[in-house]
Amino acid sequence: MSFILWLTGKPKGVMVEHHSVLNRILWMHNRYGLSAEDTILQKTAFTFDVSVWELFWWSMVGSKVSLLSVGGEKNPEDIVDTIARDGVTTMHFVPAMLRAFLEYVEQQPRK
């Protein structure tokens, strides 16, 4: 499973050009790889520029995408359930949500 962590600031309303999106996706694919067996969790709001690779990378390489329910990106239980249900292998977290997610996972009983 791949975790990609990016530090974020306040929203700035920045335009992301097509060649920049393609460059980012190609870099990520070269660095992390993705195949038809992988599933990306689309959990970032589409209004956030970081969501762009979640929206398009999977389709460029024949992978799958898993969608959370509305508001599910803020609920670690929904994320864990979706990962298990859809076999998610790749996802993105901002630091605060990664902490909340890991704390939730660590509190769960071992199976």
PDB file of N, CA and C in Angstrom:
ATOM      1  N   MET A   1       0.849  -1.160   0.000  1.00  0.00           N
ATOM      2  CA  MET A   1       0.000   0.000   0.000  1.00  0.00           C
ATOM      3  C   MET A   1       0.897   1.225   0.000  1.00  0.00           C
ATOM      4  N   SER A   2       0.591   2.212  -0.801  1.00  0.00           N
ATOM      5  CA  SER A   2       1.383   3.433  -0.886  1.00  0.00           C
ATOM      6  C   SER A   2       0.687   4.560  -0.124  1.00  0.00           C
ATOM      7  N   PHE A   3       1.445   5.281   0.675  1.00  0.00           N
ATOM      8  CA  PHE A   3       0.957   6.482   1.331  1.00  0.00           C
ATOM      9  C   PHE A   3       1.774   7.635   0.805  1.00  0.00           C
ATOM     10  N   ILE A   4       1.119   8.652   0.325  1.00  0.00           N
ATOM     11  CA  ILE A   4       1.806   9.827  -0.183  1.00  0.00           C
ATOM     12  C   ILE A   4       1.377  10.996   0.687  1.00  0.00           C
ATOM     13  N   LEU A   5       2.329  11.620   1.340  1.00  0.00           N
ATOM     14  CA  LEU A   5       2.037  12.671   2.299  1.00  0.00           C
ATOM     15  C   LEU A   5       2.586  13.991   1.794  1.00  0.00           C
ATOM     16  N   TRP A   6       1.745  14.992   1.720  1.00  0.00           N
ATOM     17  CA  TRP A   6       2.157  16.322   1.283  1.00  0.00           C
ATOM     18  C   TRP A   6       1.768  17.328   2.350  1.00  0.00           C
ATOM     19  N   LEU A   7       2.654  18.263   2.649  1.00  0.00           N
ATOM     20  CA  LEU A   7       2.323  19.331   3.581  1.00  0.00           C
ATOM     21  C   LEU A   7       1.499  20.367   2.838  1.00  0.00           C
ATOM     22  N   THR A   8       0.482  20.881   3.480  1.00  0.00           N
ATOM     23  CA  THR A   8      -0.412  21.822   2.804  1.00  0.00           C
ATOM     24  C   THR A   8      -0.465  23.135   3.545  1.00  0.00           C
ATOM     25  N   GLY A   9      -0.879  24.156   2.836  1.00  0.00           N
ATOM     26  CA  GLY A   9      -1.083  25.475   3.425  1.00  0.00           C
ATOM     27  C   GLY A   9      -2.527  25.877   3.262  1.00  0.00           C
ATOM     28  N   LYS A  10      -2.783  27.144   3.326  1.00  0.00           N
ATOM     29  CA  LYS A  10      -4.139  27.654   3.141  1.00  0.00           C
ATOM     30  C   LYS A  10      -4.481  27.635   1.653  1.00  0.00           C
ATOM     31  N   PRO A  11      -5.751  27.387   1.317  1.00  0.00           N
ATOM     32  CA  PRO A  11      -6.153  27.403  -0.094  1.00  0.00           C
ATOM     33  C   PRO A  11      -5.831  28.747  -0.738  1.00  0.00           C
ATOM     34  N   LYS A  12      -5.349  28.681  -1.972  1.00  0.00           N
ATOM     35  CA  LYS A  12      -4.929  29.900  -2.648  1.00  0.00           C
ATOM     36  C   LYS A  12      -5.643  30.130  -3.978  1.00  0.00           C
ATOM     37  N   GLY A  13      -6.503  29.243  -4.414  1.00  0.00           N
ATOM     38  CA  GLY A  13      -7.207  29.413  -5.674  1.00  0.00           C
ATOM     39  C   GLY A  13      -6.265  29.456  -6.859  1.00  0.00           C
ATOM     40  N   VAL A  14      -5.359  28.500  -6.946  1.00  0.00           N
ATOM     41  CA  VAL A  14      -4.337  28.482  -7.986  1.00  0.00           C
ATOM     42  C   VAL A  14      -4.797  27.630  -9.167  1.00  0.00           C
ATOM     43  N   MET A  15      -4.522  28.113 -10.384  1.00  0.00           N
ATOM     44  CA  MET A  15      -4.829  27.337 -11.580  1.00  0.00           C
ATOM     45  C   MET A  15      -3.719  26.305 -11.792  1.00  0.00           C
ATOM     46  N   VAL A  16      -4.107  25.073 -12.103  1.00  0.00           N
ATOM     47  CA  VAL A  16      -3.145  24.024 -12.409  1.00  0.00           C
ATOM     48  C   VAL A  16      -3.244  23.750 -13.906  1.00  0.00           C
ATOM     49  N   GLU A  17      -2.168  23.994 -14.629  1.00  0.00           N
ATOM     50  CA  GLU A  17      -2.169  23.820 -16.079  1.00  0.00           C
ATOM     51  C   GLU A  17      -2.068  22.343 -16.455  1.00  0.00           C
ATOM     52  N   HIS A  18      -2.571  22.006 -17.654  1.00  0.00           N
ATOM     53  CA  HIS A  18      -2.595  20.617 -18.101  1.00  0.00           C
ATOM     54  C   HIS A  18      -1.214  19.978 -18.091  1.00  0.00           C
ATOM     55  N   HIS A  19      -0.210  20.687 -18.606  1.00  0.00           N
ATOM     56  CA  HIS A  19       1.125  20.075 -18.663  1.00  0.00           C
ATOM     57  C   HIS A  19       1.666  19.828 -17.260  1.00  0.00           C
ATOM     58  N   SER A  20       1.263  20.639 -16.290  1.00  0.00           N
ATOM     59  CA  SER A  20       1.691  20.417 -14.909  1.00  0.00           C
ATOM     60  C   SER A  20       1.030  19.173 -14.325  1.00  0.00           C
ATOM     61  N   VAL A  21      -0.237  18.982 -14.630  1.00  0.00           N
ATOM     62  CA  VAL A  21      -0.946  17.791 -14.166  1.00  0.00           C
ATOM     63  C   VAL A  21      -0.306  16.541 -14.763  1.00  0.00           C
ATOM     64  N   LEU A  22      -0.068  16.564 -16.051  1.00  0.00           N
ATOM     65  CA  LEU A  22       0.543  15.413 -16.709  1.00  0.00           C
ATOM     66  C   LEU A  22       1.932  15.140 -16.136  1.00  0.00           C
ATOM     67  N   ASN A  23       2.722  16.188 -15.931  1.00  0.00           N
ATOM     68  CA  ASN A  23       4.048  16.028 -15.353  1.00  0.00           C
ATOM     69  C   ASN A  23       3.959  15.371 -13.978  1.00  0.00           C
ATOM     70  N   ARG A  24       3.030  15.814 -13.150  1.00  0.00           N
ATOM     71  CA  ARG A  24       2.864  15.258 -11.807  1.00  0.00           C
ATOM     72  C   ARG A  24       2.467  13.792 -11.871  1.00  0.00           C
ATOM     73  N   ILE A  25       1.513  13.465 -12.724  1.00  0.00           N
ATOM     74  CA  ILE A  25       1.055  12.079 -12.819  1.00  0.00           C
ATOM     75  C   ILE A  25       2.167  11.177 -13.344  1.00  0.00           C
ATOM     76  N   LEU A  26       2.881  11.628 -14.362  1.00  0.00           N
ATOM     77  CA  LEU A  26       3.975  10.815 -14.905  1.00  0.00           C
ATOM     78  C   LEU A  26       5.090  10.636 -13.882  1.00  0.00           C
ATOM     79  N   TRP A  27       5.392  11.679 -13.117  1.00  0.00           N
ATOM     80  CA  TRP A  27       6.403  11.557 -12.058  1.00  0.00           C
ATOM     81  C   TRP A  27       5.954  10.535 -11.024  1.00  0.00           C
ATOM     82  N   MET A  28       4.698  10.643 -10.581  1.00  0.00           N
ATOM     83  CA  MET A  28       4.184   9.713  -9.577  1.00  0.00           C
ATOM     84  C   MET A  28       4.195   8.289 -10.097  1.00  0.00           C
ATOM     85  N   HIS A  29       3.834   8.121 -11.362  1.00  0.00           N
ATOM     86  CA  HIS A  29       3.819   6.767 -11.921  1.00  0.00           C
ATOM     87  C   HIS A  29       5.238   6.195 -11.986  1.00  0.00           C
ATOM     88  N   ASN A  30       6.184   7.025 -12.376  1.00  0.00           N
ATOM     89  CA  ASN A  30       7.574   6.580 -12.427  1.00  0.00           C
ATOM     90  C   ASN A  30       8.099   6.257 -11.028  1.00  0.00           C
ATOM     91  N   ARG A  31       7.726   7.054 -10.051  1.00  0.00           N
ATOM     92  CA  ARG A  31       8.232   6.887  -8.684  1.00  0.00           C
ATOM     93  C   ARG A  31       7.517   5.775  -7.929  1.00  0.00           C
ATOM     94  N   TYR A  32       6.202   5.705  -8.027  1.00  0.00           N
ATOM     95  CA  TYR A  32       5.419   4.775  -7.223  1.00  0.00           C
ATOM     96  C   TYR A  32       4.820   3.622  -8.010  1.00  0.00           C
ATOM     97  N   GLY A  33       4.648   3.787  -9.306  1.00  0.00           N
ATOM     98  CA  GLY A  33       4.073   2.726 -10.124  1.00  0.00           C
ATOM     99  C   GLY A  33       2.630   2.429  -9.763  1.00  0.00           C
ATOM    100  N   LEU A  34       1.903   2.000 -10.712  1.00  0.00           N
ATOM    101  CA  LEU A  34       0.510   1.635 -10.545  1.00  0.00           C
ATOM    102  C   LEU A  34       0.209   0.663 -11.671  1.00  0.00           C
ATOM    103  N   SER A  35      -0.566  -0.366 -11.369  1.00  0.00           N
ATOM    104  CA  SER A  35      -0.891  -1.354 -12.397  1.00  0.00           C
ATOM    105  C   SER A  35      -2.387  -1.622 -12.395  1.00  0.00           C
ATOM    106  N   ALA A  36      -2.803  -2.488 -13.273  1.00  0.00           N
ATOM    107  CA  ALA A  36      -4.221  -2.829 -13.381  1.00  0.00           C
ATOM    108  C   ALA A  36      -4.743  -3.490 -12.106  1.00  0.00           C
ATOM    109  N   GLU A  37      -3.851  -4.022 -11.283  1.00  0.00           N
ATOM    110  CA  GLU A  37      -4.265  -4.659 -10.026  1.00  0.00           C
ATOM    111  C   GLU A  37      -4.501  -3.651  -8.901  1.00  0.00           C
ATOM    112  N   ASP A  38      -4.073  -2.401  -9.095  1.00  0.00           N
ATOM    113  CA  ASP A  38      -4.183  -1.389  -8.043  1.00  0.00           C
ATOM    114  C   ASP A  38      -5.527  -0.670  -8.058  1.00  0.00           C
ATOM    115  N   THR A  39      -5.852  -0.110  -6.892  1.00  0.00           N
ATOM    116  CA  THR A  39      -7.057   0.707  -6.733  1.00  0.00           C
ATOM    117  C   THR A  39      -6.683   1.955  -5.939  1.00  0.00           C
ATOM    118  N   ILE A  40      -6.968   3.119  -6.497  1.00  0.00           N
ATOM    119  CA  ILE A  40      -6.729   4.398  -5.832  1.00  0.00           C
ATOM    120  C   ILE A  40      -7.988   4.798  -5.074  1.00  0.00           C
ATOM    121  N   LEU A  41      -7.806   5.281  -3.854  1.00  0.00           N
ATOM    122  CA  LEU A  41      -8.920   5.818  -3.088  1.00  0.00           C
ATOM    123  C   LEU A  41      -9.065   7.304  -3.412  1.00  0.00           C
ATOM    124  N   GLN A  42     -10.174   7.681  -4.031  1.00  0.00           N
ATOM    125  CA  GLN A  42     -10.470   9.094  -4.333  1.00  0.00           C
ATOM    126  C   GLN A  42     -11.102   9.689  -3.091  1.00  0.00           C
ATOM    127  N   LYS A  43     -10.290  10.333  -2.257  1.00  0.00           N
ATOM    128  CA  LYS A  43     -10.818  10.874  -1.014  1.00  0.00           C
ATOM    129  C   LYS A  43     -10.602  12.366  -0.853  1.00  0.00           C
ATOM    130  N   THR A  44      -9.857  12.979  -1.760  1.00  0.00           N
ATOM    131  CA  THR A  44      -9.599  14.406  -1.669  1.00  0.00           C
ATOM    132  C   THR A  44     -10.692  15.157  -2.432  1.00  0.00           C
ATOM    133  N   ALA A  45     -11.195  16.218  -1.843  1.00  0.00           N
ATOM    134  CA  ALA A  45     -12.227  17.026  -2.514  1.00  0.00           C
ATOM    135  C   ALA A  45     -11.711  17.497  -3.873  1.00  0.00           C
ATOM    136  N   PHE A  46     -12.542  17.410  -4.895  1.00  0.00           N
ATOM    137  CA  PHE A  46     -12.093  17.769  -6.244  1.00  0.00           C
ATOM    138  C   PHE A  46     -11.767  19.252  -6.388  1.00  0.00           C
ATOM    139  N   THR A  47     -12.106  20.045  -5.396  1.00  0.00           N
ATOM    140  CA  THR A  47     -11.762  21.469  -5.431  1.00  0.00           C
ATOM    141  C   THR A  47     -10.324  21.717  -4.970  1.00  0.00           C
ATOM    142  N   PHE A  48      -9.649  20.698  -4.490  1.00  0.00           N
ATOM    143  CA  PHE A  48      -8.273  20.794  -4.014  1.00  0.00           C
ATOM    144  C   PHE A  48      -7.349  20.282  -5.107  1.00  0.00           C
ATOM    145  N   ASP A  49      -6.317  21.049  -5.458  1.00  0.00           N
ATOM    146  CA  ASP A  49      -5.465  20.678  -6.595  1.00  0.00           C
ATOM    147  C   ASP A  49      -4.808  19.315  -6.443  1.00  0.00           C
ATOM    148  N   VAL A  50      -4.548  18.863  -5.232  1.00  0.00           N
ATOM    149  CA  VAL A  50      -3.932  17.563  -5.023  1.00  0.00           C
ATOM    150  C   VAL A  50      -4.850  16.428  -5.488  1.00  0.00           C
ATOM    151  N   SER A  51      -6.147  16.696  -5.582  1.00  0.00           N
ATOM    152  CA  SER A  51      -7.085  15.654  -6.005  1.00  0.00           C
ATOM    153  C   SER A  51      -6.917  15.260  -7.462  1.00  0.00           C
ATOM    154  N   VAL A  52      -6.241  16.093  -8.249  1.00  0.00           N
ATOM    155  CA  VAL A  52      -6.176  15.864  -9.694  1.00  0.00           C
ATOM    156  C   VAL A  52      -5.543  14.520 -10.032  1.00  0.00           C
ATOM    157  N   TRP A  53      -4.454  14.152  -9.349  1.00  0.00           N
ATOM    158  CA  TRP A  53      -3.839  12.861  -9.667  1.00  0.00           C
ATOM    159  C   TRP A  53      -4.759  11.712  -9.274  1.00  0.00           C
ATOM    160  N   GLU A  54      -5.521  11.875  -8.177  1.00  0.00           N
ATOM    161  CA  GLU A  54      -6.480  10.834  -7.792  1.00  0.00           C
ATOM    162  C   GLU A  54      -7.551  10.666  -8.872  1.00  0.00           C
ATOM    163  N   LEU A  55      -7.938  11.769  -9.480  1.00  0.00           N
ATOM    164  CA  LEU A  55      -8.997  11.747 -10.488  1.00  0.00           C
ATOM    165  C   LEU A  55      -8.571  11.101 -11.802  1.00  0.00           C
ATOM    166  N   PHE A  56      -7.291  11.226 -12.179  1.00  0.00           N
ATOM    167  CA  PHE A  56      -6.882  10.816 -13.524  1.00  0.00           C
ATOM    168  C   PHE A  56      -5.838   9.711 -13.609  1.00  0.00           C
ATOM    169  N   TRP A  57      -4.954   9.579 -12.623  1.00  0.00           N
ATOM    170  CA  TRP A  57      -3.850   8.627 -12.740  1.00  0.00           C
ATOM    171  C   TRP A  57      -4.340   7.214 -13.019  1.00  0.00           C
ATOM    172  N   TRP A  58      -5.325   6.763 -12.263  1.00  0.00           N
ATOM    173  CA  TRP A  58      -5.819   5.394 -12.407  1.00  0.00           C
ATOM    174  C   TRP A  58      -6.269   5.104 -13.832  1.00  0.00           C
ATOM    175  N   SER A  59      -6.928   6.065 -14.461  1.00  0.00           N
ATOM    176  CA  SER A  59      -7.475   5.830 -15.804  1.00  0.00           C
ATOM    177  C   SER A  59      -6.386   5.806 -16.868  1.00  0.00           C
ATOM    178  N   MET A  60      -5.249   6.422 -16.585  1.00  0.00           N
ATOM    179  CA  MET A  60      -4.154   6.445 -17.557  1.00  0.00           C
ATOM    180  C   MET A  60      -3.401   5.124 -17.619  1.00  0.00           C
ATOM    181  N   VAL A  61      -3.530   4.307 -16.567  1.00  0.00           N
ATOM    182  CA  VAL A  61      -2.756   3.068 -16.516  1.00  0.00           C
ATOM    183  C   VAL A  61      -3.628   1.822 -16.354  1.00  0.00           C
ATOM    184  N   GLY A  62      -4.944   1.978 -16.440  1.00  0.00           N
ATOM    185  CA  GLY A  62      -5.846   0.831 -16.375  1.00  0.00           C
ATOM    186  C   GLY A  62      -6.123   0.325 -14.979  1.00  0.00           C
ATOM    187  N   SER A  63      -5.906   1.163 -13.982  1.00  0.00           N
ATOM    188  CA  SER A  63      -6.209   0.779 -12.600  1.00  0.00           C
ATOM    189  C   SER A  63      -7.677   1.039 -12.309  1.00  0.00           C
ATOM    190  N   LYS A  64      -8.028   0.959 -11.038  1.00  0.00           N
ATOM    191  CA  LYS A  64      -9.401   1.214 -10.609  1.00  0.00           C
ATOM    192  C   LYS A  64      -9.407   2.381  -9.627  1.00  0.00           C
ATOM    193  N   VAL A  65     -10.578   2.970  -9.437  1.00  0.00           N
ATOM    194  CA  VAL A  65     -10.748   4.036  -8.457  1.00  0.00           C
ATOM    195  C   VAL A  65     -11.882   3.639  -7.524  1.00  0.00           C
ATOM    196  N   SER A  66     -11.724   3.986  -6.257  1.00  0.00           N
ATOM    197  CA  SER A  66     -12.748   3.737  -5.250  1.00  0.00           C
ATOM    198  C   SER A  66     -13.200   5.082  -4.703  1.00  0.00           C
ATOM    199  N   LEU A  67     -14.504   5.284  -4.639  1.00  0.00           N
ATOM    200  CA  LEU A  67     -15.062   6.548  -4.170  1.00  0.00           C
ATOM    201  C   LEU A  67     -15.628   6.394  -2.763  1.00  0.00           C
ATOM    202  N   LEU A  68     -15.344   7.365  -1.921  1.00  0.00           N
ATOM    203  CA  LEU A  68     -15.923   7.404  -0.582  1.00  0.00           C
ATOM    204  C   LEU A  68     -17.314   8.023  -0.644  1.00  0.00           C
ATOM    205  N   SER A  69     -18.115   7.744   0.357  1.00  0.00           N
ATOM    206  CA  SER A  69     -19.402   8.419   0.458  1.00  0.00           C
ATOM    207  C   SER A  69     -19.147   9.894   0.786  1.00  0.00           C
ATOM    208  N   VAL A  70     -20.135  10.734   0.568  1.00  0.00           N
ATOM    209  CA  VAL A  70     -19.998  12.162   0.848  1.00  0.00           C
ATOM    210  C   VAL A  70     -19.637  12.345   2.324  1.00  0.00           C
ATOM    211  N   GLY A  71     -18.561  13.083   2.574  1.00  0.00           N
ATOM    212  CA  GLY A  71     -18.087  13.304   3.938  1.00  0.00           C
ATOM    213  C   GLY A  71     -17.207  12.196   4.476  1.00  0.00           C
ATOM    214  N   GLY A  72     -17.083  11.113   3.735  1.00  0.00           N
ATOM    215  CA  GLY A  72     -16.298   9.967   4.184  1.00  0.00           C
ATOM    216  C   GLY A  72     -14.827  10.263   4.365  1.00  0.00           C
ATOM    217  N   GLU A  73     -14.325  11.291   3.685  1.00  0.00           N
ATOM    218  CA  GLU A  73     -12.909  11.646   3.794  1.00  0.00           C
ATOM    219  C   GLU A  73     -12.541  12.126   5.194  1.00  0.00           C
ATOM    220  N   LYS A  74     -13.542  12.464   5.993  1.00  0.00           N
ATOM    221  CA  LYS A  74     -13.315  12.943   7.362  1.00  0.00           C
ATOM    222  C   LYS A  74     -13.578  11.858   8.389  1.00  0.00           C
ATOM    223  N   ASN A  75     -13.925  10.662   7.935  1.00  0.00           N
ATOM    224  CA  ASN A  75     -14.315   9.594   8.843  1.00  0.00           C
ATOM    225  C   ASN A  75     -13.390   8.388   8.666  1.00  0.00           C
ATOM    226  N   PRO A  76     -12.452   8.184   9.597  1.00  0.00           N
ATOM    227  CA  PRO A  76     -11.522   7.056   9.470  1.00  0.00           C
ATOM    228  C   PRO A  76     -12.213   5.703   9.328  1.00  0.00           C
ATOM    229  N   GLU A  77     -13.345   5.516  10.001  1.00  0.00           N
ATOM    230  CA  GLU A  77     -14.059   4.244   9.897  1.00  0.00           C
ATOM    231  C   GLU A  77     -14.535   4.006   8.460  1.00  0.00           C
ATOM    232  N   ASP A  78     -15.076   5.043   7.820  1.00  0.00           N
ATOM    233  CA  ASP A  78     -15.501   4.920   6.418  1.00  0.00           C
ATOM    234  C   ASP A  78     -14.312   4.599   5.517  1.00  0.00           C
ATOM    235  N   ILE A  79     -13.175   5.233   5.794  1.00  0.00           N
ATOM    236  CA  ILE A  79     -11.977   4.988   4.978  1.00  0.00           C
ATOM    237  C   ILE A  79     -11.530   3.546   5.128  1.00  0.00           C
ATOM    238  N   VAL A  80     -11.455   3.048   6.358  1.00  0.00           N
ATOM    239  CA  VAL A  80     -11.042   1.655   6.597  1.00  0.00           C
ATOM    240  C   VAL A  80     -12.012   0.685   5.925  1.00  0.00           C
ATOM    241  N   ASP A  81     -13.301   0.930   6.059  1.00  0.00           N
ATOM    242  CA  ASP A  81     -14.302   0.055   5.432  1.00  0.00           C
ATOM    243  C   ASP A  81     -14.161   0.050   3.912  1.00  0.00           C
ATOM    244  N   THR A  82     -13.914   1.219   3.325  1.00  0.00           N
ATOM    245  CA  THR A  82     -13.765   1.322   1.874  1.00  0.00           C
ATOM    246  C   THR A  82     -12.497   0.624   1.397  1.00  0.00           C
ATOM    247  N   ILE A  83     -11.410   0.779   2.139  1.00  0.00           N
ATOM    248  CA  ILE A  83     -10.152   0.095   1.799  1.00  0.00           C
ATOM    249  C   ILE A  83     -10.389  -1.411   1.754  1.00  0.00           C
ATOM    250  N   ALA A  84     -11.044  -1.941   2.766  1.00  0.00           N
ATOM    251  CA  ALA A  84     -11.305  -3.388   2.832  1.00  0.00           C
ATOM    252  C   ALA A  84     -12.259  -3.838   1.733  1.00  0.00           C
ATOM    253  N   ARG A  85     -13.327  -3.085   1.534  1.00  0.00           N
ATOM    254  CA  ARG A  85     -14.343  -3.466   0.547  1.00  0.00           C
ATOM    255  C   ARG A  85     -13.793  -3.462  -0.874  1.00  0.00           C
ATOM    256  N   ASP A  86     -13.000  -2.439  -1.220  1.00  0.00           N
ATOM    257  CA  ASP A  86     -12.570  -2.259  -2.606  1.00  0.00           C
ATOM    258  C   ASP A  86     -11.117  -2.654  -2.867  1.00  0.00           C
ATOM    259  N   GLY A  87     -10.414  -3.123  -1.845  1.00  0.00           N
ATOM    260  CA  GLY A  87      -9.023  -3.527  -2.046  1.00  0.00           C
ATOM    261  C   GLY A  87      -8.122  -2.364  -2.419  1.00  0.00           C
ATOM    262  N   VAL A  88      -8.302  -1.231  -1.755  1.00  0.00           N
ATOM    263  CA  VAL A  88      -7.515  -0.027  -2.052  1.00  0.00           C
ATOM    264  C   VAL A  88      -6.039  -0.289  -1.773  1.00  0.00           C
ATOM    265  N   THR A  89      -5.186   0.130  -2.711  1.00  0.00           N
ATOM    266  CA  THR A  89      -3.741  -0.033  -2.563  1.00  0.00           C
ATOM    267  C   THR A  89      -2.997   1.296  -2.503  1.00  0.00           C
ATOM    268  N   THR A  90      -3.640   2.394  -2.919  1.00  0.00           N
ATOM    269  CA  THR A  90      -2.966   3.692  -2.979  1.00  0.00           C
ATOM    270  C   THR A  90      -3.918   4.775  -2.509  1.00  0.00           C
ATOM    271  N   MET A  91      -3.419   5.637  -1.597  1.00  0.00           N
ATOM    272  CA  MET A  91      -4.245   6.736  -1.108  1.00  0.00           C
ATOM    273  C   MET A  91      -3.366   7.879  -0.645  1.00  0.00           C
ATOM    274  N   HIS A  92      -3.967   9.029  -0.456  1.00  0.00           N
ATOM    275  CA  HIS A  92      -3.272  10.265  -0.105  1.00  0.00           C
ATOM    276  C   HIS A  92      -3.867  10.831   1.169  1.00  0.00           C
ATOM    277  N   PHE A  93      -3.003  11.329   2.058  1.00  0.00           N
ATOM    278  CA  PHE A  93      -3.467  11.981   3.276  1.00  0.00           C
ATOM    279  C   PHE A  93      -2.716  13.287   3.486  1.00  0.00           C
ATOM    280  N   VAL A  94      -3.416  14.293   3.984  1.00  0.00           N
ATOM    281  CA  VAL A  94      -2.738  15.458   4.535  1.00  0.00           C
ATOM    282  C   VAL A  94      -2.338  15.055   5.956  1.00  0.00           C
ATOM    283  N   PRO A  95      -1.345  15.719   6.555  1.00  0.00           N
ATOM    284  CA  PRO A  95      -0.825  15.270   7.854  1.00  0.00           C
ATOM    285  C   PRO A  95      -1.870  15.097   8.955  1.00  0.00           C
ATOM    286  N   ALA A  96      -2.786  16.043   9.106  1.00  0.00           N
ATOM    287  CA  ALA A  96      -3.776  15.947  10.186  1.00  0.00           C
ATOM    288  C   ALA A  96      -4.676  14.728  10.005  1.00  0.00           C
ATOM    289  N   MET A  97      -5.107  14.456   8.775  1.00  0.00           N
ATOM    290  CA  MET A  97      -5.979  13.309   8.542  1.00  0.00           C
ATOM    291  C   MET A  97      -5.207  12.003   8.652  1.00  0.00           C
ATOM    292  N   LEU A  98      -3.948  12.003   8.254  1.00  0.00           N
ATOM    293  CA  LEU A  98      -3.134  10.792   8.423  1.00  0.00           C
ATOM    294  C   LEU A  98      -3.025  10.451   9.901  1.00  0.00           C
ATOM    295  N   ARG A  99      -2.796  11.447  10.731  1.00  0.00           N
ATOM    296  CA  ARG A  99      -2.703  11.210  12.180  1.00  0.00           C
ATOM    297  C   ARG A  99      -4.016  10.626  12.709  1.00  0.00           C
ATOM    298  N   ALA A 100      -5.135  11.235  12.344  1.00  0.00           N
ATOM    299  CA  ALA A 100      -6.443  10.744  12.810  1.00  0.00           C
ATOM    300  C   ALA A 100      -6.692   9.327  12.314  1.00  0.00           C
ATOM    301  N   PHE A 101      -6.345   9.061  11.072  1.00  0.00           N
ATOM    302  CA  PHE A 101      -6.536   7.724  10.491  1.00  0.00           C
ATOM    303  C   PHE A 101      -5.691   6.694  11.233  1.00  0.00           C
ATOM    304  N   LEU A 102      -4.407   6.995  11.440  1.00  0.00           N
ATOM    305  CA  LEU A 102      -3.517   6.045  12.122  1.00  0.00           C
ATOM    306  C   LEU A 102      -3.927   5.822  13.573  1.00  0.00           C
ATOM    307  N   GLU A 103      -4.360   6.875  14.249  1.00  0.00           N
ATOM    308  CA  GLU A 103      -4.843   6.717  15.622  1.00  0.00           C
ATOM    309  C   GLU A 103      -6.064   5.811  15.661  1.00  0.00           C
ATOM    310  N   TYR A 104      -6.972   5.993  14.711  1.00  0.00           N
ATOM    311  CA  TYR A 104      -8.158   5.143  14.640  1.00  0.00           C
ATOM    312  C   TYR A 104      -7.761   3.684  14.412  1.00  0.00           C
ATOM    313  N   VAL A 105      -6.871   3.455  13.450  1.00  0.00           N
ATOM    314  CA  VAL A 105      -6.446   2.088  13.119  1.00  0.00           C
ATOM    315  C   VAL A 105      -5.764   1.436  14.311  1.00  0.00           C
ATOM    316  N   GLU A 106      -4.902   2.182  15.008  1.00  0.00           N
ATOM    317  CA  GLU A 106      -4.172   1.627  16.152  1.00  0.00           C
ATOM    318  C   GLU A 106      -5.106   1.253  17.301  1.00  0.00           C
ATOM    319  N   GLN A 107      -6.256   1.898  17.403  1.00  0.00           N
ATOM    320  CA  GLN A 107      -7.205   1.611  18.489  1.00  0.00           C
ATOM    321  C   GLN A 107      -8.084   0.401  18.199  1.00  0.00           C
ATOM    322  N   GLN A 108      -8.077  -0.076  16.964  1.00  0.00           N
ATOM    323  CA  GLN A 108      -8.935  -1.195  16.603  1.00  0.00           C
ATOM    324  C   GLN A 108      -8.350  -2.514  17.106  1.00  0.00           C
ATOM    325  N   PRO A 109      -9.205  -3.443  17.518  1.00  0.00           N
ATOM    326  CA  PRO A 109      -8.704  -4.744  17.964  1.00  0.00           C
ATOM    327  C   PRO A 109      -8.020  -5.484  16.819  1.00  0.00           C
ATOM    328  N   ARG A 110      -6.968  -6.203  17.126  1.00  0.00           N
ATOM    329  CA  ARG A 110      -6.238  -7.002  16.119  1.00  0.00           C
ATOM    330  C   ARG A 110      -7.082  -8.194  15.714  1.00  0.00           C
ATOM    331  N   LYS A 111      -7.080  -8.485  14.423  1.00  0.00           N
ATOM    332  CA  LYS A 111      -7.849  -9.650  13.929  1.00  0.00           C
ATOM    333  C   LYS A 111      -6.916 -10.787  13.600  1.00  0.00           C
TER     334      LYS A 111
END
